Amino acid sequence: FLMDWINSKDSIEVKTSGSTGSPKKISYSKQAMVYSAVATGDHFGLKIGDRALHCLSADFIAGKMMLVRAMILGLEIDILPPNGNVLDGKSTLYDFAAMVPLQAENSLNSINQIKSLIIGGAAPSESLLESLKTKKTKSFVTYGMTETLTHIASRSIFSNDSSYHVLPGVTISKDDRSCLNIEVPYIQTEPIVTNDIVELKTANSFFLLGRNDTVINSGGIKIIPEAIERKISSLLSFPYFIGGIPDEKLGQQSVLVVEQKKPIIGIIDLIRESGVLTEYEIPKKIYHLESFEYTDNGKLKRKETLSKLEELPY
């Protein structure tokens, strides 16, 4: 990547993760990546000489942009292998770092070595967020994608406000599907249209509700899987997700899919008794899979995983 960065070309090619479709390559101008790095620096108050931890794969945009931020903002940077426990045996103090949820989870005992931490790539669990709230580290959950050159918004886990606040220069709106549209002039002139269902709080902030392409229509009632997953996150300690499967009467019915080798009895009863879901939100069935389908950088592939249920008896 660094050799590509210093060559004579004005643009650089990056590949998407494939979490919402087939992975594809996109070409972006190096100047756009510079502007993105500056916006991040302004948003998180980074300054020349700050020490950053780079522990993400440089095959994807998040890892590439950490390198760009170091060069453009004048950061000292330590590059570590992008494994699951990046702070193990390390005592260095860092001003800034970016991690995926699994890395943050595995680094909780040492997380205070980081002054400001951004978490992206997947939605962190409520249990992880509660653990991070007990630490000195200023932790933020970010919103973004390859098409926006990583994050364009963030929210502090310590704030009672769960809305995302956009970076400098970013404009947001929503379309007739209630999906987020993003305007980032330094990336492209046309709005970036997403499938993320949002509620706009202000001109510069929004609540993330779920994805339009995962909504379950069950007997005319629209169920947003991500909203249900957030409500039950404190009840389940293993990988899971809510999905929709065909149903003759309802069109679709919602089911809970868990990543466990052996069936776990009583999960639906536990959810019902907790009272966190309304009756129509409670999954109608539960499926156990030995393993989910994931992208190369660890994001859940919902459709591909749901297709494996066809092999199981309903």
Protein backbone atom coordinates (compact mmCIF):
# COMPACT_ATOMS: atom_id res chain seq x y z
CA PHE A 1 0.00 0.00 0.00
CA LEU A 2 2.77 2.45 0.87
CA MET A 3 4.45 1.87 -2.50
CA ASP A 4 1.12 2.56 -4.22
CA TRP A 5 0.73 5.69 -2.12
CA ILE A 6 4.02 7.23 -3.21
CA ASN A 7 3.79 6.34 -6.91
CA SER A 8 2.87 8.91 -9.57
CA LYS A 9 -0.82 7.96 -9.83
CA ASP A 10 -3.48 10.30 -8.41
CA SER A 11 -5.78 7.49 -7.26
CA ILE A 12 -5.58 4.24 -5.36
CA GLU A 13 -7.70 1.07 -5.52
CA VAL A 14 -9.42 -0.33 -2.44
CA LYS A 15 -11.69 -3.36 -2.03
CA THR A 16 -14.94 -3.60 -0.10
CA SER A 17 -15.41 -6.19 2.65
CA GLY A 18 -18.31 -7.99 0.97
CA SER A 19 -20.61 -7.83 4.01
CA THR A 20 -23.56 -6.58 1.93
CA GLY A 21 -22.72 -8.16 -1.41
CA SER A 22 -19.84 -9.48 -3.46
CA PRO A 23 -16.49 -7.79 -2.69
CA LYS A 24 -15.61 -5.19 -5.29
CA LYS A 25 -12.77 -2.80 -6.05
CA ILE A 26 -13.27 0.96 -5.93
CA SER A 27 -10.83 3.64 -7.03
CA TYR A 28 -10.48 6.79 -4.90
CA SER A 29 -8.27 9.82 -5.26
CA LYS A 30 -5.39 10.11 -2.84
CA GLN A 31 -6.49 13.67 -2.14
CA ALA A 32 -9.87 12.35 -0.89
CA MET A 33 -8.01 10.09 1.53
CA VAL A 34 -5.99 13.07 2.73
CA TYR A 35 -9.20 15.04 3.41
CA SER A 36 -10.65 12.05 5.26
CA ALA A 37 -7.55 11.82 7.46
CA VAL A 38 -7.75 15.54 8.27
CA ALA A 39 -11.46 15.22 9.16
CA THR A 40 -10.64 12.38 11.56
CA GLY A 41 -7.84 14.41 13.11
CA ASP A 42 -10.16 17.39 13.66
CA HIS A 43 -12.99 15.22 15.00
CA PHE A 44 -10.86 13.38 17.58
CA GLY A 45 -8.39 16.16 18.38
CA LEU A 46 -5.27 14.38 17.10
CA LYS A 47 -2.05 16.37 16.90
CA ILE A 48 1.49 15.99 15.54
CA GLY A 49 3.53 13.53 17.58
CA ASP A 50 0.58 11.56 18.99
CA ARG A 51 1.28 7.84 19.10
CA ALA A 52 -1.18 5.61 17.25
CA LEU A 53 -1.67 1.85 17.28
CA HIS A 54 -2.20 0.19 13.89
CA CYS A 55 -3.64 -3.32 14.41
CA LEU A 56 -6.02 -3.69 11.43
CA SER A 57 -5.38 -5.46 8.14
CA ALA A 58 -4.04 -3.09 5.49
CA ASP A 59 -5.86 -5.21 2.91
CA PHE A 60 -8.97 -3.19 3.74
CA ILE A 61 -9.77 0.51 3.95
CA ALA A 62 -9.62 0.81 7.76
CA GLY A 63 -6.01 -0.38 7.82
CA LYS A 64 -5.04 1.74 4.83
CA MET A 65 -6.55 4.89 6.36
CA MET A 66 -4.64 4.42 9.63
CA LEU A 67 -1.43 4.61 7.58
CA VAL A 68 -2.67 7.71 5.74
CA ARG A 69 -3.60 9.40 9.04
CA ALA A 70 -0.11 8.73 10.39
CA MET A 71 1.53 10.31 7.33
CA ILE A 72 -0.83 13.27 6.97
CA LEU A 73 -1.33 14.11 10.66
CA GLY A 74 2.27 13.43 11.72
CA LEU A 75 1.49 10.56 14.06
CA GLU A 76 4.01 8.15 15.53
CA ILE A 77 2.65 4.72 14.66
CA ASP A 78 3.24 1.16 15.88
CA ILE A 79 2.16 -1.52 13.42
CA LEU A 80 1.15 -4.83 15.00
CA PRO A 81 -0.23 -8.01 13.39
CA PRO A 82 -4.05 -7.78 13.07
CA ASN A 83 -4.76 -10.67 15.42
CA GLY A 84 -7.38 -11.00 18.16
CA ASN A 85 -5.27 -9.91 21.14
CA VAL A 86 -3.11 -7.03 19.99
CA LEU A 87 -2.11 -5.61 23.39
CA ASP A 88 -1.00 -8.92 24.87
CA GLY A 89 2.41 -8.38 26.47
CA LYS A 90 2.58 -4.74 25.34
CA SER A 91 3.07 -1.83 27.75
CA THR A 92 3.23 1.10 25.28
CA LEU A 93 0.80 3.98 25.85
CA TYR A 94 -1.17 5.13 22.80
CA ASP A 95 -3.08 8.33 22.09
CA PHE A 96 -5.24 6.77 19.38
CA ALA A 97 -6.20 3.31 18.11
CA ALA A 98 -8.84 1.63 15.97
CA MET A 99 -10.11 -1.89 16.66
CA VAL A 100 -12.86 -4.27 15.67
CA PRO A 101 -15.09 -5.43 18.58
CA LEU A 102 -13.30 -8.76 19.04
CA GLN A 103 -9.95 -7.02 19.47
CA ALA A 104 -11.44 -4.58 22.00
CA GLU A 105 -13.04 -7.47 23.90
CA ASN A 106 -9.74 -9.35 24.11
CA SER A 107 -7.83 -6.21 25.13
CA LEU A 108 -10.05 -5.10 28.03
CA ASN A 109 -7.40 -5.81 30.67
CA SER A 110 -4.94 -3.49 28.90
CA ILE A 111 -7.30 -1.06 27.21
CA ASN A 112 -6.35 1.81 29.56
CA GLN A 113 -3.07 2.00 27.61
CA ILE A 114 -5.12 3.72 24.90
CA LYS A 115 -6.31 7.30 25.39
CA SER A 116 -8.89 7.35 22.55
CA LEU A 117 -10.27 4.22 20.90
CA ILE A 118 -12.56 3.95 17.89
CA ILE A 119 -14.47 0.70 17.31
CA GLY A 120 -15.83 -0.25 13.90
CA GLY A 121 -16.24 -3.03 11.38
CA ALA A 122 -19.18 -4.59 13.23
CA ALA A 123 -21.65 -3.64 15.95
CA PRO A 124 -20.11 -4.04 19.44
CA SER A 125 -22.16 -5.97 21.99
CA GLU A 126 -23.80 -4.21 24.92
CA SER A 127 -21.66 -6.24 27.32
CA LEU A 128 -18.49 -4.94 25.63
CA LEU A 129 -19.75 -1.35 25.81
CA GLU A 130 -20.61 -1.74 29.51
CA SER A 131 -17.12 -3.12 30.19
CA LEU A 132 -15.49 -0.24 28.31
CA LYS A 133 -17.47 2.26 30.39
CA THR A 134 -15.54 1.12 33.45
CA LYS A 135 -12.22 2.06 31.79
CA LYS A 136 -10.38 5.38 31.47
CA THR A 137 -10.16 5.04 27.69
CA LYS A 138 -12.36 7.42 25.70
CA SER A 139 -14.14 4.92 23.46
CA PHE A 140 -16.22 5.72 20.39
CA VAL A 141 -18.37 3.56 18.11
CA THR A 142 -17.97 4.65 14.49
CA TYR A 143 -20.22 4.53 11.44
CA GLY A 144 -18.82 4.22 7.96
CA MET A 145 -17.93 1.95 5.07
CA THR A 146 -15.37 1.52 2.32
CA GLU A 147 -17.39 3.86 0.09
CA THR A 148 -16.98 6.68 2.65
CA LEU A 149 -13.27 5.96 3.28
CA THR A 150 -14.07 4.52 6.74
CA HIS A 151 -16.00 6.44 9.37
CA ILE A 152 -18.03 9.57 8.66
CA ALA A 153 -19.68 9.65 12.10
CA SER A 154 -19.12 8.48 15.67
CA ARG A 155 -20.76 8.33 19.09
CA SER A 156 -19.14 8.30 22.52
CA ILE A 157 -20.03 5.25 24.60
CA PHE A 158 -20.08 7.47 27.71
CA SER A 159 -22.85 9.70 26.38
CA ASN A 160 -26.51 9.09 27.19
CA ASP A 161 -27.11 10.18 23.60
CA SER A 162 -26.91 7.13 21.32
CA SER A 163 -26.94 9.19 18.12
CA TYR A 164 -24.00 9.37 15.72
CA HIS A 165 -22.41 12.77 15.06
CA VAL A 166 -20.89 13.36 11.63
CA LEU A 167 -17.35 14.48 10.88
CA PRO A 168 -16.53 17.95 9.53
CA GLY A 169 -17.64 18.45 5.92
CA VAL A 170 -20.19 15.62 5.92
CA THR A 171 -23.87 16.30 5.15
CA ILE A 172 -26.65 13.77 5.83
CA SER A 173 -30.28 13.26 4.82
CA LYS A 174 -32.69 10.34 4.43
CA ASP A 175 -34.67 9.13 1.43
CA ASP A 176 -38.24 7.83 1.06
CA ARG A 177 -37.11 4.45 2.47
CA SER A 178 -35.88 6.26 5.61
CA CYS A 179 -32.36 5.22 4.58
CA LEU A 180 -29.32 7.41 5.16
CA ASN A 181 -27.88 9.41 2.27
CA ILE A 182 -24.41 10.85 2.79
CA GLU A 183 -22.77 13.76 0.99
CA VAL A 184 -19.01 13.91 1.29
CA PRO A 185 -17.74 16.51 -1.21
CA TYR A 186 -14.12 15.39 -1.00
CA ILE A 187 -15.09 11.82 -2.04
CA GLN A 188 -17.69 12.32 -4.78
CA THR A 189 -20.19 14.91 -6.02
CA GLU A 190 -23.23 12.61 -5.87
CA PRO A 191 -24.76 11.49 -2.54
CA ILE A 192 -23.75 8.06 -1.26
CA VAL A 193 -27.01 6.12 -0.89
CA THR A 194 -27.02 3.50 1.88
CA ASN A 195 -29.43 0.77 2.97
CA ASP A 196 -29.17 1.85 6.62
CA ILE A 197 -32.47 2.85 8.18
CA VAL A 198 -32.02 5.94 10.34
CA GLU A 199 -33.86 8.57 12.30
CA LEU A 200 -32.38 12.05 11.91
CA LYS A 201 -31.90 13.82 15.23
CA THR A 202 -30.37 17.05 13.93
CA ALA A 203 -28.78 18.22 10.69
CA ASN A 204 -25.53 16.66 11.91
CA SER A 205 -26.62 13.58 13.89
CA PHE A 206 -28.71 10.46 13.45
CA PHE A 207 -29.90 7.29 15.17
CA LEU A 208 -29.01 4.04 13.41
CA LEU A 209 -31.97 1.63 13.48
CA GLY A 210 -31.07 -1.22 11.12
CA ARG A 211 -30.72 -2.21 7.47
CA ASN A 212 -33.42 -1.99 4.83
CA ASP A 213 -32.25 -5.22 3.19
CA THR A 214 -32.63 -7.24 6.40
CA VAL A 215 -36.12 -6.04 7.41
CA ILE A 216 -38.52 -8.94 8.03
CA ASN A 217 -42.14 -8.51 6.86
CA SER A 218 -44.14 -10.86 9.07
CA GLY A 219 -47.87 -10.67 8.42
CA GLY A 220 -47.60 -7.01 7.48
CA ILE A 221 -45.55 -6.11 10.56
CA LYS A 222 -42.05 -4.91 9.74
CA ILE A 223 -39.39 -6.20 12.11
CA ILE A 224 -35.89 -4.69 12.17
CA PRO A 225 -33.49 -7.51 13.18
CA GLU A 226 -30.73 -5.21 14.42
CA ALA A 227 -33.13 -3.46 16.82
CA ILE A 228 -34.14 -6.80 18.35
CA GLU A 229 -30.50 -7.93 18.54
CA ARG A 230 -29.64 -4.84 20.57
CA LYS A 231 -32.51 -5.49 23.00
CA ILE A 232 -31.47 -9.09 23.74
CA SER A 233 -27.70 -8.53 23.71
CA SER A 234 -27.44 -8.57 27.52
CA LEU A 235 -29.19 -11.95 27.64
CA LEU A 236 -27.00 -13.97 25.27
CA SER A 237 -23.25 -14.53 25.58
CA PHE A 238 -22.61 -16.28 22.25
CA PRO A 239 -22.75 -15.19 18.58
CA TYR A 240 -26.31 -14.87 17.27
CA PHE A 241 -28.51 -12.90 14.91
CA ILE A 242 -32.17 -12.46 13.98
CA GLY A 243 -33.18 -13.49 10.45
CA GLY A 244 -36.29 -14.03 8.37
CA ILE A 245 -37.32 -17.31 6.76
CA PRO A 246 -40.29 -18.01 4.42
CA ASP A 247 -43.65 -18.71 6.03
CA GLU A 248 -46.81 -19.74 4.16
CA LYS A 249 -49.20 -17.71 6.34
CA LEU A 250 -47.09 -14.72 7.38
CA GLY A 251 -44.86 -14.38 4.32
CA GLN A 252 -41.85 -14.38 6.63
CA GLN A 253 -41.26 -15.30 10.23
CA SER A 254 -38.40 -14.15 12.44
CA VAL A 255 -35.99 -16.74 13.82
CA LEU A 256 -33.02 -16.65 16.15
CA VAL A 257 -29.85 -18.21 14.74
CA VAL A 258 -27.05 -19.03 17.19
CA GLU A 259 -23.48 -20.15 16.56
CA GLN A 260 -23.19 -23.15 18.87
CA LYS A 261 -22.17 -26.75 18.28
CA LYS A 262 -24.80 -28.11 20.68
CA PRO A 263 -28.41 -26.92 21.10
CA ILE A 264 -29.07 -24.62 24.04
CA ILE A 265 -32.44 -25.25 25.68
CA GLY A 266 -34.75 -22.50 26.89
CA ILE A 267 -33.41 -19.47 25.01
CA ILE A 268 -36.82 -18.38 23.69
CA ASP A 269 -38.34 -18.77 27.18
CA LEU A 270 -35.49 -16.68 28.61
CA ILE A 271 -36.15 -13.92 26.08
CA ARG A 272 -39.91 -14.01 26.67
CA GLU A 273 -39.56 -13.89 30.46
CA SER A 274 -37.10 -10.96 30.29
CA GLY A 275 -39.83 -8.72 28.91
CA VAL A 276 -37.42 -6.80 26.64
CA LEU A 277 -39.36 -7.73 23.47
CA THR A 278 -42.97 -7.29 22.49
CA GLU A 279 -44.88 -10.45 21.57
CA TYR A 280 -44.47 -9.95 17.81
CA GLU A 281 -40.72 -9.31 18.20
CA ILE A 282 -40.05 -12.65 19.94
CA PRO A 283 -38.42 -15.10 17.47
CA LYS A 284 -40.72 -17.93 16.44
CA LYS A 285 -37.97 -20.55 16.16
CA ILE A 286 -34.34 -21.06 17.06
CA TYR A 287 -31.65 -22.66 14.89
CA HIS A 288 -28.19 -23.81 15.93
CA LEU A 289 -25.33 -23.69 13.45
CA GLU A 290 -21.83 -24.90 14.17
CA SER A 291 -20.40 -21.90 12.29
CA PHE A 292 -21.68 -18.75 10.62
CA GLU A 293 -20.46 -17.39 7.29
CA TYR A 294 -18.06 -14.43 7.60
CA THR A 295 -16.23 -12.10 5.25
CA ASP A 296 -12.42 -12.06 5.10
CA ASN A 297 -12.30 -9.33 7.73
CA GLY A 298 -14.76 -10.97 10.11
CA LYS A 299 -18.14 -9.44 9.27
CA LEU A 300 -21.21 -11.65 9.46
CA LYS A 301 -22.71 -12.64 6.09
CA ARG A 302 -26.38 -12.86 7.02
CA LYS A 303 -27.87 -14.09 3.75
CA GLU A 304 -25.25 -16.77 3.24
CA THR A 305 -25.66 -17.96 6.83
CA LEU A 306 -29.46 -18.03 6.53
CA SER A 307 -29.17 -20.12 3.37
CA LYS A 308 -27.52 -22.84 5.47
CA LEU A 309 -30.80 -23.21 7.38
CA GLU A 310 -32.32 -24.80 4.30
CA GLU A 311 -30.22 -27.82 5.13
CA LEU A 312 -31.89 -28.10 8.54
CA PRO A 313 -35.41 -29.48 9.16
CA TYR A 314 -37.93 -26.71 9.91
